[in-house]
């Protein structure tokens, strides 16, 4: 990707790469209302920049994802600003599905645990699964009047081999 550091895609990738947490929105499965359900989750990235989450099967958001894998993650880069509405935030939309077991899953779980060492305390529990988002698009608000819809190709980059996702 050949773009300027302040370009919209670069801004979204930076927000995602520096975030330790995000707000996860799923479709409520408990009833037929179709209401959104939002929760706070820890996040890491795979080698291409796709979000990774370690979720318990017992959590409402996991039950929601089993019924409908559509999800959104809000990455908030407004901490510390006097007026948060002037800061960058990105809603990343896509499908959030469990990662199939195997060597690739172990590598992705290792990336997640490198980003969140405290998660090792529960990562081995039988009800926890690693999920990866297939990004479909993103909505960036980088301050007043700086609003962009981006494609998955704008957001997901070249492989990161550092393992620091």
Protein backbone atom coordinates (compact mmCIF):
# COMPACT_ATOMS: atom_id res chain seq x y z
CA UNK A 1 0.00 0.00 0.00
CA UNK A 2 1.41 3.29 -1.10
CA UNK A 3 -0.46 5.97 0.81
CA UNK A 4 0.27 8.91 3.06
CA UNK A 5 0.32 8.33 6.85
CA UNK A 6 -2.74 10.60 7.31
CA UNK A 7 -4.76 8.90 4.57
CA UNK A 8 -8.06 7.37 5.71
CA UNK A 9 -6.96 3.73 5.29
CA UNK A 10 -3.71 4.37 7.18
CA UNK A 11 -5.66 6.09 9.95
CA UNK A 12 -7.99 3.10 10.38
CA UNK A 13 -5.07 0.66 10.36
CA UNK A 14 -3.25 2.76 12.98
CA UNK A 15 -6.36 2.89 15.19
CA UNK A 16 -6.76 -0.87 14.94
CA UNK A 17 -3.07 -1.61 15.52
CA UNK A 18 -2.80 0.57 18.62
CA UNK A 19 -6.10 -0.43 20.23
CA UNK A 20 -6.07 -2.95 23.04
CA UNK A 21 -9.85 -2.98 23.25
CA UNK A 22 -12.88 -2.22 21.11
CA UNK A 23 -16.64 -2.09 21.41
CA UNK A 24 -18.22 -5.13 19.76
CA UNK A 25 -21.72 -4.79 18.29
CA UNK A 26 -23.69 -7.93 17.44
CA UNK A 27 -27.35 -8.61 16.65
CA UNK A 28 -29.25 -9.69 19.78
CA UNK A 29 -30.27 -13.33 19.43
CA UNK A 30 -32.33 -13.65 22.64
CA UNK A 31 -35.46 -12.35 20.97
CA UNK A 32 -36.73 -11.39 17.56
CA UNK A 33 -36.28 -7.65 18.13
CA UNK A 34 -33.13 -7.35 16.01
CA UNK A 35 -31.70 -4.88 18.49
CA UNK A 36 -27.95 -4.30 18.54
CA UNK A 37 -26.00 -5.57 21.54
CA UNK A 38 -22.70 -3.88 22.43
CA UNK A 39 -19.94 -5.17 24.68
CA UNK A 40 -16.32 -4.36 25.45
CA UNK A 41 -13.72 -6.83 24.13
CA UNK A 42 -9.96 -7.19 23.96
CA UNK A 43 -8.62 -7.13 20.41
CA UNK A 44 -5.46 -8.07 18.54
CA UNK A 45 -4.75 -8.33 14.82
CA UNK A 46 -3.67 -11.19 12.58
CA UNK A 47 -0.70 -10.78 10.26
CA UNK A 48 -2.87 -9.02 7.64
CA UNK A 49 -4.59 -6.67 10.09
CA UNK A 50 -7.85 -8.58 10.56
CA UNK A 51 -9.20 -8.29 14.12
CA UNK A 52 -8.87 -11.25 16.51
CA UNK A 53 -11.00 -11.71 19.63
CA UNK A 54 -10.92 -14.37 22.34
CA UNK A 55 -14.52 -14.93 23.40
CA UNK A 56 -16.33 -17.22 25.81
CA UNK A 57 -19.17 -19.36 24.47
CA UNK A 58 -21.07 -18.34 27.60
CA UNK A 59 -21.12 -14.63 26.70
CA UNK A 60 -24.15 -13.06 25.07
CA UNK A 61 -22.08 -11.69 22.20
CA UNK A 62 -20.90 -15.25 21.36
CA UNK A 63 -24.47 -16.55 21.38
CA UNK A 64 -25.40 -13.67 19.09
CA UNK A 65 -22.55 -14.50 16.69
CA UNK A 66 -23.64 -18.13 16.47
CA UNK A 67 -27.01 -16.95 15.18
CA UNK A 68 -25.69 -14.12 12.96
CA UNK A 69 -21.98 -13.57 12.36
CA UNK A 70 -22.42 -9.94 11.26
CA UNK A 71 -20.60 -7.65 13.66
CA UNK A 72 -18.99 -4.25 14.06
CA UNK A 73 -16.00 -3.19 16.11
CA UNK A 74 -15.61 0.43 17.20
CA UNK A 75 -11.97 1.47 17.57
CA UNK A 76 -11.81 4.70 19.59
CA UNK A 77 -8.77 6.94 19.31
CA UNK A 78 -10.22 9.85 21.27
CA UNK A 79 -8.76 9.17 24.73
CA UNK A 80 -7.26 12.22 26.38
CA UNK A 81 -8.84 14.75 24.04
CA UNK A 82 -10.66 17.69 25.60
CA UNK A 83 -13.36 17.30 22.94
CA UNK A 84 -13.61 13.61 21.96
CA UNK A 85 -15.69 14.46 18.90
CA UNK A 86 -12.59 15.98 17.28
CA UNK A 87 -10.66 12.70 17.48
CA UNK A 88 -10.52 9.65 15.24
CA UNK A 89 -12.73 6.60 15.58
CA UNK A 90 -13.52 3.81 13.16
CA UNK A 91 -16.36 1.32 12.94
CA UNK A 92 -15.08 -1.82 11.24
CA UNK A 93 -17.85 -4.01 9.83
CA UNK A 94 -17.64 -7.63 8.81
CA UNK A 95 -18.26 -11.25 9.68
CA UNK A 96 -16.88 -12.59 12.96
CA UNK A 97 -16.38 -16.35 12.97
CA UNK A 98 -14.47 -18.86 15.13
CA UNK A 99 -11.02 -19.79 13.86
CA UNK A 100 -10.81 -23.49 12.96
CA UNK A 101 -8.53 -25.54 15.20
CA UNK A 102 -5.03 -26.35 13.97
CA UNK A 103 -1.55 -24.92 13.65
CA UNK A 104 -2.82 -21.64 12.20
CA UNK A 105 -5.21 -21.23 15.13
CA UNK A 106 -2.36 -21.77 17.61
CA UNK A 107 -0.27 -19.13 15.86
CA UNK A 108 -3.17 -16.66 15.94
CA UNK A 109 -3.85 -17.43 19.61
CA UNK A 110 -0.17 -16.80 20.33
CA UNK A 111 -0.47 -13.40 18.62
CA UNK A 112 -3.50 -12.59 20.75
CA UNK A 113 -1.75 -13.64 23.97
CA UNK A 114 1.36 -11.64 23.05
CA UNK A 115 -0.90 -8.57 22.89
CA UNK A 116 -2.88 -9.54 26.03
CA UNK A 117 -0.71 -11.67 28.37
CA UNK A 118 -3.34 -11.56 31.13
CA UNK A 119 -5.72 -13.50 28.85
CA UNK A 120 -3.49 -16.56 29.32
CA UNK A 121 -5.29 -17.07 32.66
CA UNK A 122 -8.46 -18.13 30.81
CA UNK A 123 -7.39 -18.77 27.21
CA UNK A 124 -7.17 -22.53 27.84
CA UNK A 125 -10.68 -22.84 29.29
CA UNK A 126 -12.91 -25.06 27.16
CA UNK A 127 -15.51 -22.36 26.54
CA UNK A 128 -13.07 -19.83 25.01
CA UNK A 129 -12.59 -19.59 21.26
CA UNK A 130 -10.58 -17.35 19.03
CA UNK A 131 -12.61 -15.39 16.48
CA UNK A 132 -11.35 -13.55 13.41
CA UNK A 133 -13.22 -10.82 11.61
CA UNK A 134 -13.47 -10.90 7.84
CA UNK A 135 -13.52 -7.15 7.30
CA UNK A 136 -16.03 -5.98 4.70
CA UNK A 137 -15.79 -2.21 5.12
CA UNK A 138 -15.09 0.53 7.63
CA UNK A 139 -16.45 3.93 8.53
CA UNK A 140 -13.88 6.46 9.71
CA UNK A 141 -14.71 9.67 11.50
CA UNK A 142 -11.38 11.47 11.86
CA UNK A 143 -12.88 14.67 13.30
CA UNK A 144 -15.48 17.17 12.13
CA UNK A 145 -16.07 16.92 8.38
CA UNK A 146 -13.45 14.19 7.91
CA UNK A 147 -15.68 11.18 7.33
CA UNK A 148 -14.92 8.29 4.98
CA UNK A 149 -16.39 4.93 4.02
CA UNK A 150 -13.59 2.50 3.20
CA UNK A 151 -13.43 -0.89 1.50
CA UNK A 152 -11.82 -3.95 3.06
CA UNK A 153 -8.84 -3.46 0.73
CA UNK A 154 -8.36 0.05 2.18
CA UNK A 155 -8.22 -1.38 5.72
CA UNK A 156 -6.51 -4.76 5.51
CA UNK A 157 -2.84 -4.43 4.66
CA UNK A 158 0.22 -6.42 3.77
CA UNK A 159 1.29 -9.19 6.14
CA UNK A 160 2.84 -8.14 9.46
CA UNK A 161 5.45 -10.71 10.39
CA UNK A 162 6.41 -9.07 13.70
CA UNK A 163 3.86 -11.12 15.65
CA UNK A 164 2.84 -8.01 17.57
CA UNK A 165 -0.74 -7.78 16.20
